[in-house]
Amino acid sequence: MDSGNFVLKEIDGNGSTKNVLWQSFDHPEFVLLPGMKLGVNKKSGMSWLVKASISRAKPASGSFTLEWEPREGQLVIKRQGQ
């Protein structure tokens, strides 16, 4: 999509979207773009957070995350889950 969201859709016979199967904005990983989700879905328990990478040359998950803390009602930066 123009927003940068990569979306996999199930298309029915007439060419319209039947279901959204997967979208990259639901799995932000190392980058947070405008329109991406950050928080917790209270119904499903799904959590959207951003993980730091070790370095540009080594994009594996680093020690830090940016996530929504629902009990505190604020964004928090965590190091190794703390």
PDB file of N, CA and C in Angstrom:
ATOM      1  N   MET A   1       0.837  -1.172   0.000  1.00  0.00           N
ATOM      2  CA  MET A   1       0.000   0.000   0.000  1.00  0.00           C
ATOM      3  C   MET A   1       0.890   1.245   0.000  1.00  0.00           C
ATOM      4  N   ASP A   2       0.321   2.395  -0.344  1.00  0.00           N
ATOM      5  CA  ASP A   2       1.076   3.646  -0.355  1.00  0.00           C
ATOM      6  C   ASP A   2       1.606   4.025   1.025  1.00  0.00           C
ATOM      7  N   SER A   3       0.966   3.543   2.091  1.00  0.00           N
ATOM      8  CA  SER A   3       1.377   3.853   3.463  1.00  0.00           C
ATOM      9  C   SER A   3       2.645   3.104   3.874  1.00  0.00           C
ATOM     10  N   GLY A   4       3.034   2.095   3.099  1.00  0.00           N
ATOM     11  CA  GLY A   4       4.165   1.246   3.466  1.00  0.00           C
ATOM     12  C   GLY A   4       3.721  -0.064   4.081  1.00  0.00           C
ATOM     13  N   ASN A   5       2.431  -0.213   4.339  1.00  0.00           N
ATOM     14  CA  ASN A   5       1.888  -1.442   4.910  1.00  0.00           C
ATOM     15  C   ASN A   5       1.830  -2.514   3.827  1.00  0.00           C
ATOM     16  N   PHE A   6       2.450  -3.663   4.093  1.00  0.00           N
ATOM     17  CA  PHE A   6       2.399  -4.795   3.176  1.00  0.00           C
ATOM     18  C   PHE A   6       1.240  -5.674   3.626  1.00  0.00           C
ATOM     19  N   VAL A   7       0.229  -5.838   2.776  1.00  0.00           N
ATOM     20  CA  VAL A   7      -0.994  -6.535   3.155  1.00  0.00           C
ATOM     21  C   VAL A   7      -1.214  -7.736   2.241  1.00  0.00           C
ATOM     22  N   LEU A   8      -1.472  -8.905   2.852  1.00  0.00           N
ATOM     23  CA  LEU A   8      -1.860 -10.102   2.105  1.00  0.00           C
ATOM     24  C   LEU A   8      -3.367 -10.274   2.278  1.00  0.00           C
ATOM     25  N   LYS A   9      -4.080 -10.302   1.156  1.00  0.00           N
ATOM     26  CA  LYS A   9      -5.535 -10.373   1.199  1.00  0.00           C
ATOM     27  C   LYS A   9      -6.034 -11.622   0.495  1.00  0.00           C
ATOM     28  N   GLU A  10      -7.167 -12.113   0.958  1.00  0.00           N
ATOM     29  CA  GLU A  10      -7.888 -13.174   0.259  1.00  0.00           C
ATOM     30  C   GLU A  10      -8.908 -12.469  -0.630  1.00  0.00           C
ATOM     31  N   ILE A  11      -8.864 -12.761  -1.916  1.00  0.00           N
ATOM     32  CA  ILE A  11      -9.720 -12.102  -2.894  1.00  0.00           C
ATOM     33  C   ILE A  11     -10.806 -13.078  -3.347  1.00  0.00           C
ATOM     34  N   ASP A  12     -12.061 -12.606  -3.411  1.00  0.00           N
ATOM     35  CA  ASP A  12     -13.124 -13.487  -3.883  1.00  0.00           C
ATOM     36  C   ASP A  12     -13.210 -13.449  -5.409  1.00  0.00           C
ATOM     37  N   GLY A  13     -14.138 -14.158  -5.983  1.00  0.00           N
ATOM     38  CA  GLY A  13     -14.253 -14.313  -7.430  1.00  0.00           C
ATOM     39  C   GLY A  13     -14.443 -13.027  -8.207  1.00  0.00           C
ATOM     40  N   ASN A  14     -15.071 -12.005  -7.601  1.00  0.00           N
ATOM     41  CA  ASN A  14     -15.292 -10.755  -8.327  1.00  0.00           C
ATOM     42  C   ASN A  14     -14.184  -9.738  -8.117  1.00  0.00           C
ATOM     43  N   GLY A  15     -13.118 -10.145  -7.438  1.00  0.00           N
ATOM     44  CA  GLY A  15     -11.951  -9.282  -7.270  1.00  0.00           C
ATOM     45  C   GLY A  15     -11.959  -8.399  -6.038  1.00  0.00           C
ATOM     46  N   SER A  16     -12.977  -8.505  -5.199  1.00  0.00           N
ATOM     47  CA  SER A  16     -13.000  -7.685  -3.978  1.00  0.00           C
ATOM     48  C   SER A  16     -12.364  -8.452  -2.815  1.00  0.00           C
ATOM     49  N   THR A  17     -11.916  -7.701  -1.810  1.00  0.00           N
ATOM     50  CA  THR A  17     -11.236  -8.303  -0.661  1.00  0.00           C
ATOM     51  C   THR A  17     -12.226  -9.090   0.183  1.00  0.00           C
ATOM     52  N   LYS A  18     -11.911 -10.368   0.404  1.00  0.00           N
ATOM     53  CA  LYS A  18     -12.741 -11.226   1.243  1.00  0.00           C
ATOM     54  C   LYS A  18     -12.248 -11.160   2.689  1.00  0.00           C
ATOM     55  N   ASN A  19     -10.943 -11.289   2.892  1.00  0.00           N
ATOM     56  CA  ASN A  19     -10.318 -11.237   4.214  1.00  0.00           C
ATOM     57  C   ASN A  19      -8.916 -10.661   4.111  1.00  0.00           C
ATOM     58  N   VAL A  20      -8.492  -9.956   5.162  1.00  0.00           N
ATOM     59  CA  VAL A  20      -7.082  -9.577   5.282  1.00  0.00           C
ATOM     60  C   VAL A  20      -6.414 -10.703   6.062  1.00  0.00           C
ATOM     61  N   LEU A  21      -5.451 -11.366   5.434  1.00  0.00           N
ATOM     62  CA  LEU A  21      -4.789 -12.515   6.046  1.00  0.00           C
ATOM     63  C   LEU A  21      -3.636 -12.110   6.958  1.00  0.00           C
ATOM     64  N   TRP A  22      -2.898 -11.076   6.540  1.00  0.00           N
ATOM     65  CA  TRP A  22      -1.722 -10.636   7.302  1.00  0.00           C
ATOM     66  C   TRP A  22      -1.355  -9.248   6.827  1.00  0.00           C
ATOM     67  N   GLN A  23      -0.851  -8.406   7.764  1.00  0.00           N
ATOM     68  CA  GLN A  23      -0.346  -7.099   7.361  1.00  0.00           C
ATOM     69  C   GLN A  23       0.854  -6.720   8.214  1.00  0.00           C
ATOM     70  N   SER A  24       1.825  -6.120   7.546  1.00  0.00           N
ATOM     71  CA  SER A  24       3.090  -5.800   8.209  1.00  0.00           C
ATOM     72  C   SER A  24       2.908  -4.797   9.345  1.00  0.00           C
ATOM     73  N   PHE A  25       1.904  -3.919   9.274  1.00  0.00           N
ATOM     74  CA  PHE A  25       1.700  -2.936  10.339  1.00  0.00           C
ATOM     75  C   PHE A  25       1.292  -3.598  11.650  1.00  0.00           C
ATOM     76  N   ASP A  26       0.840  -4.848  11.613  1.00  0.00           N
ATOM     77  CA  ASP A  26       0.530  -5.583  12.847  1.00  0.00           C
ATOM     78  C   ASP A  26       1.782  -6.169  13.484  1.00  0.00           C
ATOM     79  N   HIS A  27       2.911  -6.095  12.797  1.00  0.00           N
ATOM     80  CA  HIS A  27       4.173  -6.680  13.287  1.00  0.00           C
ATOM     81  C   HIS A  27       5.302  -5.680  13.047  1.00  0.00           C
ATOM     82  N   PRO A  28       5.332  -4.562  13.804  1.00  0.00           N
ATOM     83  CA  PRO A  28       6.240  -3.459  13.485  1.00  0.00           C
ATOM     84  C   PRO A  28       7.728  -3.763  13.571  1.00  0.00           C
ATOM     85  N   GLU A  29       8.161  -4.665  14.436  1.00  0.00           N
ATOM     86  CA  GLU A  29       9.577  -5.008  14.589  1.00  0.00           C
ATOM     87  C   GLU A  29      10.489  -3.818  14.842  1.00  0.00           C
ATOM     88  N   PHE A  30      11.269  -3.348  13.842  1.00  0.00           N
ATOM     89  CA  PHE A  30      12.336  -2.382  14.081  1.00  0.00           C
ATOM     90  C   PHE A  30      12.011  -0.947  13.670  1.00  0.00           C
ATOM     91  N   VAL A  31      10.870  -0.718  13.012  1.00  0.00           N
ATOM     92  CA  VAL A  31      10.530   0.612  12.508  1.00  0.00           C
ATOM     93  C   VAL A  31       9.078   0.918  12.840  1.00  0.00           C
ATOM     94  N   LEU A  32       8.800   2.150  13.262  1.00  0.00           N
ATOM     95  CA  LEU A  32       7.430   2.588  13.510  1.00  0.00           C
ATOM     96  C   LEU A  32       7.111   3.701  12.522  1.00  0.00           C
ATOM     97  N   LEU A  33       6.224   3.408  11.557  1.00  0.00           N
ATOM     98  CA  LEU A  33       5.827   4.365  10.541  1.00  0.00           C
ATOM     99  C   LEU A  33       4.473   4.967  10.897  1.00  0.00           C
ATOM    100  N   PRO A  34       4.157   6.148  10.380  1.00  0.00           N
ATOM    101  CA  PRO A  34       2.837   6.727  10.617  1.00  0.00           C
ATOM    102  C   PRO A  34       1.738   5.756  10.188  1.00  0.00           C
ATOM    103  N   GLY A  35       0.753   5.563  11.043  1.00  0.00           N
ATOM    104  CA  GLY A  35      -0.346   4.646  10.757  1.00  0.00           C
ATOM    105  C   GLY A  35      -0.175   3.273  11.364  1.00  0.00           C
ATOM    106  N   MET A  36       1.026   2.952  11.843  1.00  0.00           N
ATOM    107  CA  MET A  36       1.252   1.657  12.478  1.00  0.00           C
ATOM    108  C   MET A  36       0.655   1.658  13.882  1.00  0.00           C
ATOM    109  N   LYS A  37       0.318   0.471  14.352  1.00  0.00           N
ATOM    110  CA  LYS A  37      -0.273   0.323  15.672  1.00  0.00           C
ATOM    111  C   LYS A  37       0.821   0.159  16.724  1.00  0.00           C
ATOM    112  N   LEU A  38       0.553   0.706  17.902  1.00  0.00           N
ATOM    113  CA  LEU A  38       1.428   0.516  19.050  1.00  0.00           C
ATOM    114  C   LEU A  38       0.495   0.435  20.245  1.00  0.00           C
ATOM    115  N   GLY A  39       0.429  -0.711  20.892  1.00  0.00           N
ATOM    116  CA  GLY A  39      -0.493  -0.868  22.013  1.00  0.00           C
ATOM    117  C   GLY A  39      -0.880  -2.314  22.207  1.00  0.00           C
ATOM    118  N   VAL A  40      -2.054  -2.521  22.823  1.00  0.00           N
ATOM    119  CA  VAL A  40      -2.542  -3.856  23.149  1.00  0.00           C
ATOM    120  C   VAL A  40      -4.002  -3.959  22.735  1.00  0.00           C
ATOM    121  N   ASN A  41      -4.358  -5.046  22.059  1.00  0.00           N
ATOM    122  CA  ASN A  41      -5.747  -5.343  21.741  1.00  0.00           C
ATOM    123  C   ASN A  41      -6.325  -6.074  22.941  1.00  0.00           C
ATOM    124  N   LYS A  42      -7.255  -5.457  23.654  1.00  0.00           N
ATOM    125  CA  LYS A  42      -7.802  -6.037  24.880  1.00  0.00           C
ATOM    126  C   LYS A  42      -8.594  -7.313  24.627  1.00  0.00           C
ATOM    127  N   LYS A  43      -9.196  -7.432  23.450  1.00  0.00           N
ATOM    128  CA  LYS A  43      -9.991  -8.626  23.137  1.00  0.00           C
ATOM    129  C   LYS A  43      -9.113  -9.827  22.821  1.00  0.00           C
ATOM    130  N   SER A  44      -8.120  -9.633  21.950  1.00  0.00           N
ATOM    131  CA  SER A  44      -7.288 -10.761  21.509  1.00  0.00           C
ATOM    132  C   SER A  44      -6.020 -10.937  22.335  1.00  0.00           C
ATOM    133  N   GLY A  45      -5.611  -9.854  23.043  1.00  0.00           N
ATOM    134  CA  GLY A  45      -4.362  -9.909  23.805  1.00  0.00           C
ATOM    135  C   GLY A  45      -3.137  -9.630  22.961  1.00  0.00           C
ATOM    136  N   MET A  46      -3.350  -9.355  21.661  1.00  0.00           N
ATOM    137  CA  MET A  46      -2.217  -9.068  20.780  1.00  0.00           C
ATOM    138  C   MET A  46      -1.550  -7.762  21.195  1.00  0.00           C
ATOM    139  N   SER A  47      -0.234  -7.777  21.213  1.00  0.00           N
ATOM    140  CA  SER A  47       0.532  -6.598  21.596  1.00  0.00           C
ATOM    141  C   SER A  47       1.376  -6.135  20.424  1.00  0.00           C
ATOM    142  N   TRP A  48       1.342  -4.825  20.158  1.00  0.00           N
ATOM    143  CA  TRP A  48       2.166  -4.229  19.108  1.00  0.00           C
ATOM    144  C   TRP A  48       3.257  -3.431  19.782  1.00  0.00           C
ATOM    145  N   LEU A  49       4.505  -3.746  19.492  1.00  0.00           N
ATOM    146  CA  LEU A  49       5.643  -3.040  20.073  1.00  0.00           C
ATOM    147  C   LEU A  49       6.752  -2.937  19.052  1.00  0.00           C
ATOM    148  N   VAL A  50       7.710  -2.072  19.337  1.00  0.00           N
ATOM    149  CA  VAL A  50       8.852  -1.891  18.442  1.00  0.00           C
ATOM    150  C   VAL A  50      10.093  -2.369  19.171  1.00  0.00           C
ATOM    151  N   LYS A  51      10.902  -3.185  18.492  1.00  0.00           N
ATOM    152  CA  LYS A  51      12.136  -3.716  19.056  1.00  0.00           C
ATOM    153  C   LYS A  51      13.332  -3.006  18.443  1.00  0.00           C
ATOM    154  N   ALA A  52      14.307  -2.725  19.260  1.00  0.00           N
ATOM    155  CA  ALA A  52      15.560  -2.158  18.744  1.00  0.00           C
ATOM    156  C   ALA A  52      16.368  -3.269  18.090  1.00  0.00           C
ATOM    157  N   SER A  53      17.104  -2.922  17.045  1.00  0.00           N
ATOM    158  CA  SER A  53      18.007  -3.900  16.447  1.00  0.00           C
ATOM    159  C   SER A  53      19.393  -3.721  17.060  1.00  0.00           C
ATOM    160  N   ILE A  54      20.218  -4.735  16.948  1.00  0.00           N
ATOM    161  CA  ILE A  54      21.563  -4.674  17.511  1.00  0.00           C
ATOM    162  C   ILE A  54      22.376  -3.595  16.815  1.00  0.00           C
ATOM    163  N   SER A  55      22.305  -3.559  15.483  1.00  0.00           N
ATOM    164  CA  SER A  55      22.976  -2.525  14.698  1.00  0.00           C
ATOM    165  C   SER A  55      22.415  -2.560  13.282  1.00  0.00           C
ATOM    166  N   ARG A  56      22.789  -1.584  12.475  1.00  0.00           N
ATOM    167  CA  ARG A  56      22.326  -1.595  11.077  1.00  0.00           C
ATOM    168  C   ARG A  56      22.893  -2.794  10.330  1.00  0.00           C
ATOM    169  N   ALA A  57      24.112  -3.163  10.661  1.00  0.00           N
ATOM    170  CA  ALA A  57      24.747  -4.298   9.991  1.00  0.00           C
ATOM    171  C   ALA A  57      24.200  -5.629  10.504  1.00  0.00           C
ATOM    172  N   LYS A  58      23.658  -5.628  11.728  1.00  0.00           N
ATOM    173  CA  LYS A  58      23.153  -6.859  12.332  1.00  0.00           C
ATOM    174  C   LYS A  58      21.735  -6.588  12.844  1.00  0.00           C
ATOM    175  N   PRO A  59      20.702  -6.797  11.998  1.00  0.00           N
ATOM    176  CA  PRO A  59      19.346  -6.403  12.362  1.00  0.00           C
ATOM    177  C   PRO A  59      18.609  -7.365  13.300  1.00  0.00           C
ATOM    178  N   ALA A  60      19.327  -8.176  14.057  1.00  0.00           N
ATOM    179  CA  ALA A  60      18.680  -9.054  15.031  1.00  0.00           C
ATOM    180  C   ALA A  60      18.134  -8.214  16.182  1.00  0.00           C
ATOM    181  N   SER A  61      17.176  -8.766  16.915  1.00  0.00           N
ATOM    182  CA  SER A  61      16.567  -8.042  18.034  1.00  0.00           C
ATOM    183  C   SER A  61      17.596  -7.680  19.085  1.00  0.00           C
ATOM    184  N   GLY A  62      17.552  -6.422  19.508  1.00  0.00           N
ATOM    185  CA  GLY A  62      18.425  -5.937  20.567  1.00  0.00           C
ATOM    186  C   GLY A  62      17.741  -6.050  21.921  1.00  0.00           C
ATOM    187  N   SER A  63      18.237  -5.316  22.885  1.00  0.00           N
ATOM    188  CA  SER A  63      17.759  -5.405  24.260  1.00  0.00           C
ATOM    189  C   SER A  63      16.567  -4.500  24.562  1.00  0.00           C
ATOM    190  N   PHE A  64      16.283  -3.510  23.713  1.00  0.00           N
ATOM    191  CA  PHE A  64      15.280  -2.512  24.046  1.00  0.00           C
ATOM    192  C   PHE A  64      14.000  -2.653  23.230  1.00  0.00           C
ATOM    193  N   THR A  65      12.865  -2.339  23.875  1.00  0.00           N
ATOM    194  CA  THR A  65      11.570  -2.295  23.201  1.00  0.00           C
ATOM    195  C   THR A  65      10.847  -1.009  23.603  1.00  0.00           C
ATOM    196  N   LEU A  66       9.981  -0.542  22.706  1.00  0.00           N
ATOM    197  CA  LEU A  66       9.073   0.561  22.986  1.00  0.00           C
ATOM    198  C   LEU A  66       7.684  -0.029  22.911  1.00  0.00           C
ATOM    199  N   GLU A  67       6.937   0.056  24.011  1.00  0.00           N
ATOM    200  CA  GLU A  67       5.622  -0.561  24.039  1.00  0.00           C
ATOM    201  C   GLU A  67       4.659   0.211  24.929  1.00  0.00           C
ATOM    202  N   TRP A  68       3.382  -0.068  24.732  1.00  0.00           N
ATOM    203  CA  TRP A  68       2.336   0.554  25.532  1.00  0.00           C
ATOM    204  C   TRP A  68       2.135  -0.282  26.784  1.00  0.00           C
ATOM    205  N   GLU A  69       2.145   0.363  27.927  1.00  0.00           N
ATOM    206  CA  GLU A  69       1.899  -0.302  29.211  1.00  0.00           C
ATOM    207  C   GLU A  69       0.460   0.010  29.620  1.00  0.00           C
ATOM    208  N   PRO A  70      -0.485  -0.942  29.426  1.00  0.00           N
ATOM    209  CA  PRO A  70      -1.898  -0.649  29.665  1.00  0.00           C
ATOM    210  C   PRO A  70      -2.228  -0.341  31.127  1.00  0.00           C
ATOM    211  N   ARG A  71      -1.542  -0.961  32.063  1.00  0.00           N
ATOM    212  CA  ARG A  71      -1.837  -0.696  33.481  1.00  0.00           C
ATOM    213  C   ARG A  71      -1.437   0.723  33.879  1.00  0.00           C
ATOM    214  N   GLU A  72      -0.349   1.218  33.286  1.00  0.00           N
ATOM    215  CA  GLU A  72       0.140   2.565  33.585  1.00  0.00           C
ATOM    216  C   GLU A  72      -0.460   3.610  32.651  1.00  0.00           C
ATOM    217  N   GLY A  73      -0.964   3.163  31.487  1.00  0.00           N
ATOM    218  CA  GLY A  73      -1.531   4.070  30.503  1.00  0.00           C
ATOM    219  C   GLY A  73      -0.493   4.969  29.851  1.00  0.00           C
ATOM    220  N   GLN A  74       0.688   4.395  29.571  1.00  0.00           N
ATOM    221  CA  GLN A  74       1.749   5.208  28.974  1.00  0.00           C
ATOM    222  C   GLN A  74       2.700   4.346  28.145  1.00  0.00           C
ATOM    223  N   LEU A  75       3.444   5.014  27.263  1.00  0.00           N
ATOM    224  CA  LEU A  75       4.494   4.344  26.509  1.00  0.00           C
ATOM    225  C   LEU A  75       5.704   4.146  27.418  1.00  0.00           C
ATOM    226  N   VAL A  76       6.342   2.990  27.320  1.00  0.00           N
ATOM    227  CA  VAL A  76       7.529   2.730  28.122  1.00  0.00           C
ATOM    228  C   VAL A  76       8.631   2.135  27.261  1.00  0.00           C
ATOM    229  N   ILE A  77       9.845   2.421  27.617  1.00  0.00           N
ATOM    230  CA  ILE A  77      11.016   1.790  26.998  1.00  0.00           C
ATOM    231  C   ILE A  77      11.497   0.747  27.976  1.00  0.00           C
ATOM    232  N   LYS A  78      11.601  -0.489  27.532  1.00  0.00           N
ATOM    233  CA  LYS A  78      12.055  -1.571  28.401  1.00  0.00           C
ATOM    234  C   LYS A  78      13.382  -2.110  27.926  1.00  0.00           C
ATOM    235  N   ARG A  79      14.207  -2.495  28.865  1.00  0.00           N
ATOM    236  CA  ARG A  79      15.480  -3.150  28.556  1.00  0.00           C
ATOM    237  C   ARG A  79      15.399  -4.570  29.057  1.00  0.00           C
ATOM    238  N   GLN A  80      15.491  -5.522  28.149  1.00  0.00           N
ATOM    239  CA  GLN A  80      15.379  -6.941  28.444  1.00  0.00           C
ATOM    240  C   GLN A  80      14.112  -7.241  29.242  1.00  0.00           C
ATOM    241  N   GLY A  81      12.999  -6.618  28.819  1.00  0.00           N
ATOM    242  CA  GLY A  81      11.693  -6.884  29.422  1.00  0.00           C
ATOM    243  C   GLY A  81      11.401  -6.147  30.722  1.00  0.00           C
ATOM    244  N   GLN A  82      12.347  -5.374  31.214  1.00  0.00           N
ATOM    245  CA  GLN A  82      12.145  -4.658  32.486  1.00  0.00           C
ATOM    246  C   GLN A  82      11.999  -3.169  32.260  1.00  0.00           C
TER     247      GLN A  82
END
